[in-house]
Amino acid sequence: MSLSLKISNISKSYDRKPVLRDCSFSFDKGHVYILMGPNGSGKSTFLRICALLETPDSGDVKYYLDDTFQNATLKGGNKKDIKLRRKITLVLPKIGIFNSSVFNNVAYGLKVRGFQKKIIKDEVDNILEFVGLRHKKNVNALKLSSGEAQRLGIARAIVLKPDVLFLDEPTASLDPHSTEMIEETIFRIKEHEKMTIVMVSHNIFQAKRLADMVLFMYEGKIVDFGTKKEFFEKPNDERAYKFITGQMVY
C-alpha cells in the first residue's frame, strides 16, 4: 500500500502578495516528479504545502491510500492526521544537524517512534550503507562535508520509510561529485524503495536524468507539465520553452 497525492486549486499569499495561484495536479505512486521554474515562481511554497508544513489560503490537499482518502489540509483548514504525516517527509536544501554522531542523527526519528534498539541499529546501518555513509557512522555529523550532510538528510528521511519524499533542491551548491552521489541515491530510492519523489531542481540536465514527469511553474502557477520526453522535446508553454533553451534569465 502507498500514498498518492492530489492537489486542487491551491492558492497562497504572503502579505497580500500571491505566491501560488490556483495550482492543481495529481501525483501518482512510485514516480519521480521534478518541479522546475525561475526563482520566485512558488516551487518551495508548493512543496511545503504538499508536505503539510504550510496551509494554503484556499484549495485542497488530499492524500489517498489505495484510493481511500486520508485526512490532510482541507480547504485552508488545519485538520491533520499524525499517521498520515509519518508517511510523508521533506528534505530542505540546508538540513538541521544535531551535535552528535551520524548514527544518532539518522536514528533520532526511529527513537522518537519507539523502535527497539536492535531494530534501530539494523535500520540505520542499512540506510547509511545505502547512501554511502556507513564509514562515517561514528563521526560527529557537524564535521561532514556539504554533500555528505545532504546525504545524511536524505538518510534521516528514508529510514522512516515514507511513501512520499519531497526534496527541495537537494544538490543546490554542491560540487559535481556530491551531486552525482545524491542523484545515485535518488535512483536507488526509486528502484528499491518504490517511493513517490517530488523534487525541486533548477538543473535541466538533472531533470533529464532523474524525472519521470516534469512540472514547470511560473509566477505561482503550473503552466506546463509532461513526461520527461514530452516536456523537453516539445513543451506546450512558451515560457517553459524559453526556460529549457536558456533564453529565460532567472
Protein backbone atom coordinates (compact mmCIF):
# COMPACT_ATOMS: atom_id res chain seq x y z
CA MET A 1 0.00 0.00 0.00
CA SER A 2 1.24 3.50 -0.79
CA LEU A 3 0.03 7.06 -0.98
CA SER A 4 -0.99 9.13 -3.96
CA LEU A 5 -1.48 12.88 -3.78
CA LYS A 6 -3.98 15.20 -5.42
CA ILE A 7 -3.96 18.97 -5.02
CA SER A 8 -6.83 21.11 -6.24
CA ASN A 9 -6.93 24.88 -6.76
CA ILE A 10 -4.21 25.71 -4.22
CA SER A 11 -3.55 29.41 -3.64
CA LYS A 12 -1.24 31.10 -1.14
CA SER A 13 -0.27 34.71 -0.42
CA TYR A 14 2.19 36.36 1.95
CA ASP A 15 1.49 39.95 2.99
CA ARG A 16 -1.18 40.08 0.28
CA LYS A 17 1.36 39.12 -2.38
CA PRO A 18 0.24 36.00 -4.29
CA VAL A 19 2.83 33.21 -4.28
CA LEU A 20 0.68 30.34 -5.56
CA ARG A 21 -2.31 30.81 -7.86
CA ASP A 22 -4.92 28.09 -8.37
CA CYS A 23 -2.49 25.14 -8.66
CA SER A 24 -3.88 21.67 -9.36
CA PHE A 25 -2.10 18.39 -10.05
CA SER A 26 -2.29 14.66 -9.31
CA PHE A 27 0.85 12.74 -8.30
CA ASP A 28 0.74 9.01 -8.94
CA LYS A 29 2.50 6.45 -6.79
CA GLY A 30 6.10 5.46 -7.33
CA HIS A 31 7.19 8.14 -9.83
CA VAL A 32 9.82 10.89 -9.75
CA TYR A 33 8.39 14.35 -10.38
CA ILE A 34 10.76 17.27 -10.98
CA LEU A 35 9.38 20.73 -10.28
CA MET A 36 11.15 23.44 -12.30
CA GLY A 37 10.80 27.17 -12.87
CA PRO A 38 12.55 30.50 -12.32
CA ASN A 39 13.34 31.87 -8.86
CA GLY A 40 10.28 33.19 -7.10
CA SER A 41 7.82 31.03 -9.01
CA GLY A 42 6.49 29.40 -5.83
CA LYS A 43 8.17 25.99 -6.02
CA SER A 44 9.32 25.76 -2.39
CA THR A 45 5.98 27.02 -1.05
CA PHE A 46 4.23 24.47 -3.24
CA LEU A 47 6.42 21.72 -1.77
CA ARG A 48 5.81 22.81 1.85
CA ILE A 49 2.05 22.86 1.33
CA CYS A 50 2.10 19.41 -0.27
CA ALA A 51 4.18 18.19 2.69
CA LEU A 52 1.56 19.63 5.09
CA LEU A 53 4.03 22.04 6.65
CA GLU A 54 2.03 25.05 5.50
CA THR A 55 -1.68 25.59 4.99
CA PRO A 56 -3.00 27.02 1.71
CA ASP A 57 -5.27 30.06 1.77
CA SER A 58 -7.67 28.12 -0.42
CA GLY A 59 -7.82 24.77 -2.18
CA ASP A 60 -7.44 21.14 -1.17
CA VAL A 61 -4.51 18.84 -0.42
CA LYS A 62 -5.71 15.25 -0.49
CA TYR A 63 -3.78 12.05 0.07
CA TYR A 64 -5.17 8.67 -0.89
CA LEU A 65 -4.09 5.28 0.41
CA ASP A 66 -5.14 2.78 -2.25
CA ASP A 67 -7.97 5.14 -3.29
CA THR A 68 -9.12 5.67 0.32
CA PHE A 69 -8.99 9.33 1.33
CA GLN A 70 -6.61 10.23 4.17
CA ASN A 71 -7.00 13.35 6.32
CA ALA A 72 -4.82 16.24 5.17
CA THR A 73 -5.31 20.01 4.94
CA LEU A 74 -8.80 20.68 3.75
CA LYS A 75 -9.91 23.93 2.10
CA GLY A 76 -7.50 26.09 4.07
CA GLY A 77 -8.16 24.28 7.35
CA ASN A 78 -5.67 22.71 9.75
CA LYS A 79 -7.01 19.17 10.01
CA LYS A 80 -4.01 16.84 10.02
CA ASP A 81 -3.57 13.18 10.81
CA ILE A 82 -0.37 12.15 12.61
CA LYS A 83 -0.36 8.75 10.89
CA LEU A 84 -0.52 10.50 7.53
CA ARG A 85 2.24 12.94 8.48
CA ARG A 86 4.51 9.99 9.19
CA LYS A 87 4.05 8.71 5.65
CA ILE A 88 5.50 11.88 4.08
CA THR A 89 8.71 13.82 4.64
CA LEU A 90 10.50 16.89 3.29
CA VAL A 91 14.28 17.36 2.97
CA LEU A 92 15.31 21.01 2.79
CA PRO A 93 18.39 22.41 0.99
CA LYS A 94 20.08 23.05 4.34
CA ILE A 95 19.25 20.40 6.89
CA GLY A 96 19.39 20.83 10.64
CA ILE A 97 22.16 18.66 12.08
CA PHE A 98 22.40 17.57 15.71
CA ASN A 99 25.74 17.90 17.51
CA SER A 100 26.09 14.14 17.68
CA SER A 101 27.25 11.20 15.59
CA VAL A 102 25.97 10.48 12.11
CA PHE A 103 24.39 7.33 13.53
CA ASN A 104 22.47 9.24 16.20
CA ASN A 105 21.29 11.81 13.68
CA VAL A 106 19.74 9.13 11.50
CA ALA A 107 18.44 7.11 14.46
CA TYR A 108 16.60 10.04 16.04
CA GLY A 109 13.29 9.63 14.18
CA LEU A 110 13.17 5.92 14.92
CA LYS A 111 13.84 6.54 18.62
CA VAL A 112 11.02 9.07 18.77
CA ARG A 113 8.71 6.47 17.25
CA GLY A 114 9.65 3.94 19.93
CA PHE A 115 11.52 1.35 17.88
CA GLN A 116 13.64 -1.21 19.73
CA LYS A 117 17.41 -0.68 19.86
CA LYS A 118 18.21 -3.74 17.73
CA ILE A 119 15.81 -2.63 15.00
CA ILE A 120 17.19 0.91 15.13
CA LYS A 121 20.77 -0.32 14.76
CA ASP A 122 19.93 -2.58 11.83
CA GLU A 123 17.81 0.02 10.04
CA VAL A 124 20.32 2.84 10.48
CA ASP A 125 23.28 0.70 9.41
CA ASN A 126 21.37 -0.39 6.29
CA ILE A 127 20.40 3.16 5.36
CA LEU A 128 23.90 4.53 5.93
CA GLU A 129 25.22 1.80 3.63
CA PHE A 130 22.52 2.72 1.13
CA VAL A 131 23.61 6.39 0.98
CA GLY A 132 27.34 5.66 1.23
CA LEU A 133 27.90 6.97 4.77
CA ARG A 134 28.33 3.81 6.83
CA HIS A 135 32.04 4.50 7.21
CA LYS A 136 31.09 7.84 8.80
CA LYS A 137 28.55 6.44 11.31
CA ASN A 138 30.63 7.37 14.39
CA VAL A 139 31.80 10.75 13.08
CA ASN A 140 30.25 13.90 14.53
CA ALA A 141 27.72 14.98 11.90
CA LEU A 142 28.85 18.61 12.15
CA LYS A 143 32.15 17.55 10.56
CA LEU A 144 30.54 16.25 7.36
CA SER A 145 31.08 17.97 4.02
CA SER A 146 28.08 19.71 2.47
CA GLY A 147 27.48 16.78 0.13
CA GLU A 148 27.72 14.27 2.96
CA ALA A 149 25.38 16.39 5.08
CA GLN A 150 22.81 16.35 2.30
CA ARG A 151 23.05 12.58 2.06
CA LEU A 152 22.62 12.47 5.83
CA GLY A 153 19.40 14.46 5.45
CA ILE A 154 18.11 12.00 2.86
CA ALA A 155 19.13 9.05 5.05
CA ARG A 156 17.30 10.56 8.01
CA ALA A 157 14.19 10.89 5.85
CA ILE A 158 14.14 7.50 4.15
CA VAL A 159 14.99 5.49 7.28
CA LEU A 160 11.40 6.31 8.31
CA LYS A 161 10.17 4.61 5.11
CA PRO A 162 7.85 7.39 3.92
CA ASP A 163 5.53 6.82 0.99
CA VAL A 164 6.15 10.31 -0.39
CA LEU A 165 9.55 12.04 -0.28
CA PHE A 166 9.81 15.75 -1.01
CA LEU A 167 13.26 17.12 -1.91
CA ASP A 168 13.84 20.87 -2.14
CA GLU A 169 16.92 21.37 -4.36
CA PRO A 170 18.95 18.56 -2.75
CA THR A 171 22.03 19.30 -4.87
CA ALA A 172 22.00 23.10 -4.69
CA SER A 173 25.56 24.48 -4.37
CA LEU A 174 27.12 21.02 -4.28
CA ASP A 175 30.20 20.03 -6.26
CA PRO A 176 29.79 17.63 -9.22
CA HIS A 177 30.95 14.57 -7.27
CA SER A 178 28.48 15.22 -4.42
CA THR A 179 25.72 15.90 -6.94
CA GLU A 180 26.44 12.58 -8.64
CA MET A 181 26.27 10.79 -5.27
CA ILE A 182 22.90 12.39 -4.42
CA GLU A 183 21.49 11.53 -7.84
CA GLU A 184 22.65 7.94 -7.50
CA THR A 185 20.91 7.79 -4.11
CA ILE A 186 17.69 9.08 -5.69
CA PHE A 187 17.95 6.46 -8.44
CA ARG A 188 18.34 3.76 -5.82
CA ILE A 189 15.41 5.06 -3.77
CA LYS A 190 13.22 4.92 -6.85
CA GLU A 191 14.40 1.42 -7.74
CA HIS A 192 14.38 -0.21 -4.32
CA GLU A 193 12.04 1.78 -2.07
CA LYS A 194 9.19 2.47 -4.53
CA MET A 195 8.59 5.93 -3.04
CA THR A 196 6.92 8.79 -4.81
CA ILE A 197 9.51 11.56 -5.10
CA VAL A 198 8.65 15.21 -5.72
CA MET A 199 11.78 17.27 -6.18
CA VAL A 200 12.57 20.91 -6.89
CA SER A 201 15.52 21.44 -9.24
CA HIS A 202 16.90 24.24 -11.41
CA ASN A 203 19.21 21.81 -13.21
CA ILE A 204 17.79 20.91 -16.61
CA PHE A 205 20.30 18.09 -17.12
CA GLN A 206 19.45 16.69 -13.71
CA ALA A 207 15.75 16.70 -14.58
CA LYS A 208 16.53 14.84 -17.79
CA ARG A 209 18.42 12.22 -15.81
CA LEU A 210 16.00 11.72 -12.93
CA ALA A 211 12.45 12.69 -13.86
CA ASP A 212 9.53 10.59 -14.93
CA MET A 213 7.39 13.74 -15.09
CA VAL A 214 8.34 17.42 -15.18
CA LEU A 215 6.19 20.29 -13.90
CA PHE A 216 7.02 23.89 -14.84
CA MET A 217 5.93 26.74 -12.58
CA TYR A 218 5.81 30.42 -13.49
CA GLU A 219 4.56 33.24 -11.27
CA GLY A 220 2.83 30.85 -8.90
CA LYS A 221 1.10 28.69 -11.50
CA ILE A 222 1.77 25.27 -13.00
CA VAL A 223 1.83 26.37 -16.62
CA ASP A 224 3.22 23.21 -18.26
CA PHE A 225 3.83 19.56 -17.44
CA GLY A 226 4.51 16.31 -19.21
CA THR A 227 6.66 13.23 -19.29
CA LYS A 228 10.37 13.91 -19.46
CA LYS A 229 10.35 13.18 -23.19
CA GLU A 230 7.28 15.33 -23.88
CA PHE A 231 8.43 18.28 -21.81
CA PHE A 232 11.97 18.58 -23.12
CA GLU A 233 11.23 17.74 -26.74
CA LYS A 234 8.08 19.80 -27.21
CA PRO A 235 6.94 21.94 -24.27
CA ASN A 236 3.43 23.37 -24.62
CA ASP A 237 4.14 26.71 -22.93
CA GLU A 238 6.40 29.35 -24.50
CA ARG A 239 7.84 30.26 -21.08
CA ALA A 240 8.81 26.65 -20.47
CA TYR A 241 10.48 26.58 -23.88
CA LYS A 242 12.49 29.71 -23.05
CA PHE A 243 13.50 28.22 -19.71
CA ILE A 244 14.83 24.95 -21.08
CA THR A 245 16.60 26.63 -24.01
CA GLY A 246 18.38 29.14 -21.77
CA GLN A 247 16.52 32.19 -23.08
CA MET A 248 14.93 32.96 -19.71
CA VAL A 249 17.10 34.88 -17.24
CA TYR A 250 16.30 33.98 -13.63
